């Protein structure tokens, strides 16, 4: 078990994590610190506990949105799998079910990469 020192809203915290997860934990703390600092800019210093709660809610909202989109895309993929596998083009727009599924998966992968980049670089 490793101990990592992180800084959020100018305060140092020591947090335990599994060995090898130290850098990941630092990145997560940096992302949280960014959200807390954004909140401080908009609402001011309203106390550490309230800022942490508000930042946590912002991050959970981002996560819920991303998970909702992933669920939508998974449903689209399942719907495409359940469609007849003739490989013929759709009458609506000329796109084959395989192309539509590939497009949905590419979009999901792109969205997840964007979210990971935000977490990594924030």
Protein backbone atom coordinates (compact mmCIF):
# COMPACT_ATOMS: atom_id res chain seq x y z
CA UNK A 1 0.00 0.00 0.00
CA UNK A 2 1.49 3.32 -1.11
CA UNK A 3 0.89 6.76 0.37
CA UNK A 4 0.59 9.71 -2.00
CA UNK A 5 0.57 13.40 -1.12
CA UNK A 6 -1.85 15.42 -3.25
CA UNK A 7 -2.81 19.07 -3.25
CA UNK A 8 -6.45 20.14 -3.61
CA UNK A 9 -7.50 23.77 -3.20
CA UNK A 10 -4.11 24.60 -1.71
CA UNK A 11 -4.34 21.95 0.99
CA UNK A 12 -2.15 18.86 1.19
CA UNK A 13 -3.74 15.46 1.71
CA UNK A 14 -2.09 12.07 2.16
CA UNK A 15 -4.03 9.32 0.42
CA UNK A 16 -3.38 5.57 0.34
CA UNK A 17 -3.51 3.60 -2.89
CA UNK A 18 -2.35 0.30 -4.32
CA UNK A 19 1.30 0.09 -5.30
CA UNK A 20 1.76 1.24 -8.88
CA UNK A 21 -1.33 3.49 -8.81
CA UNK A 22 0.45 6.56 -7.48
CA UNK A 23 0.62 8.49 -10.78
CA UNK A 24 -3.00 7.71 -11.56
CA UNK A 25 -4.07 8.97 -8.13
CA UNK A 26 -2.07 12.17 -8.63
CA UNK A 27 -3.81 12.71 -12.00
CA UNK A 28 -7.22 12.20 -10.42
CA UNK A 29 -6.39 14.62 -7.62
CA UNK A 30 -5.19 17.18 -10.17
CA UNK A 31 -8.48 16.82 -12.07
CA UNK A 32 -10.43 17.32 -8.83
CA UNK A 33 -8.27 20.30 -7.92
CA UNK A 34 -9.06 21.87 -11.31
CA UNK A 35 -12.79 21.48 -10.68
CA UNK A 36 -12.47 22.90 -7.14
CA UNK A 37 -10.51 25.90 -8.42
CA UNK A 38 -13.16 26.52 -11.09
CA UNK A 39 -15.82 26.49 -8.39
CA UNK A 40 -13.81 28.87 -6.21
CA UNK A 41 -13.68 31.28 -9.16
CA UNK A 42 -17.46 31.17 -9.57
CA UNK A 43 -18.75 30.89 -5.97
CA UNK A 44 -15.76 31.90 -3.85
CA UNK A 45 -14.27 30.09 -0.86
CA UNK A 46 -17.33 28.52 0.76
CA UNK A 47 -15.43 26.03 2.92
CA UNK A 48 -13.47 22.92 2.05
CA UNK A 49 -16.28 20.48 2.73
CA UNK A 50 -18.79 22.36 0.56
CA UNK A 51 -16.24 22.85 -2.24
CA UNK A 52 -15.35 19.14 -2.20
CA UNK A 53 -19.05 18.23 -2.30
CA UNK A 54 -19.73 20.61 -5.18
CA UNK A 55 -16.67 19.42 -7.13
CA UNK A 56 -17.65 15.80 -6.50
CA UNK A 57 -21.13 16.50 -7.86
CA UNK A 58 -19.68 18.16 -10.97
CA UNK A 59 -17.41 15.18 -11.62
CA UNK A 60 -20.21 12.66 -10.97
CA UNK A 61 -22.43 14.61 -13.36
CA UNK A 62 -19.73 14.32 -16.04
CA UNK A 63 -19.45 10.60 -15.32
CA UNK A 64 -23.22 10.08 -15.44
CA UNK A 65 -23.39 11.84 -18.80
CA UNK A 66 -20.57 9.71 -20.18
CA UNK A 67 -22.08 6.47 -18.82
CA UNK A 68 -25.47 7.42 -20.26
CA UNK A 69 -23.92 7.94 -23.67
CA UNK A 70 -22.04 4.65 -23.42
CA UNK A 71 -25.31 2.88 -22.53
CA UNK A 72 -27.01 4.48 -25.55
CA UNK A 73 -24.21 3.35 -27.82
CA UNK A 74 -24.24 -0.16 -26.36
CA UNK A 75 -27.99 -0.33 -27.04
CA UNK A 76 -27.42 0.85 -30.62
CA UNK A 77 -24.81 -1.87 -31.09
CA UNK A 78 -27.17 -4.50 -29.64
CA UNK A 79 -29.99 -3.25 -31.87
CA UNK A 80 -27.71 -3.55 -34.88
CA UNK A 81 -26.69 -7.06 -33.84
CA UNK A 82 -30.35 -8.04 -33.53
CA UNK A 83 -31.15 -6.66 -37.01
CA UNK A 84 -31.07 -9.08 -39.94
CA UNK A 85 -27.48 -9.86 -40.84
CA UNK A 86 -28.01 -9.68 -44.58
CA UNK A 87 -25.35 -7.04 -45.00
CA UNK A 88 -27.72 -5.14 -47.25
CA UNK A 89 -27.92 -1.39 -47.08
CA UNK A 90 -30.57 0.27 -44.99
CA UNK A 91 -33.51 1.56 -47.02
CA UNK A 92 -33.51 4.79 -44.99
CA UNK A 93 -30.04 6.16 -45.71
CA UNK A 94 -28.09 3.56 -47.68
CA UNK A 95 -25.89 2.60 -44.71
CA UNK A 96 -25.28 -1.06 -43.93
CA UNK A 97 -25.87 -2.31 -40.36
CA UNK A 98 -22.16 -3.15 -40.11
CA UNK A 99 -21.20 0.41 -41.08
CA UNK A 100 -23.66 1.85 -38.56
CA UNK A 101 -22.30 -0.37 -35.78
CA UNK A 102 -18.72 0.53 -36.68
CA UNK A 103 -19.61 4.22 -36.66
CA UNK A 104 -21.28 3.91 -33.24
CA UNK A 105 -18.27 2.09 -31.80
CA UNK A 106 -15.86 4.65 -33.26
CA UNK A 107 -17.91 7.46 -31.73
CA UNK A 108 -17.96 5.72 -28.33
CA UNK A 109 -14.21 5.14 -28.45
CA UNK A 110 -13.61 8.77 -29.41
CA UNK A 111 -15.84 10.03 -26.59
CA UNK A 112 -14.11 7.82 -24.02
CA UNK A 113 -10.69 8.99 -25.26
CA UNK A 114 -11.85 12.62 -24.89
CA UNK A 115 -12.99 11.96 -21.32
CA UNK A 116 -9.72 10.20 -20.47
CA UNK A 117 -7.77 13.11 -21.95
CA UNK A 118 -9.73 15.60 -19.86
CA UNK A 119 -8.98 13.60 -16.72
CA UNK A 120 -5.32 13.21 -17.63
CA UNK A 121 -4.67 16.79 -18.70
CA UNK A 122 -6.86 18.74 -16.28
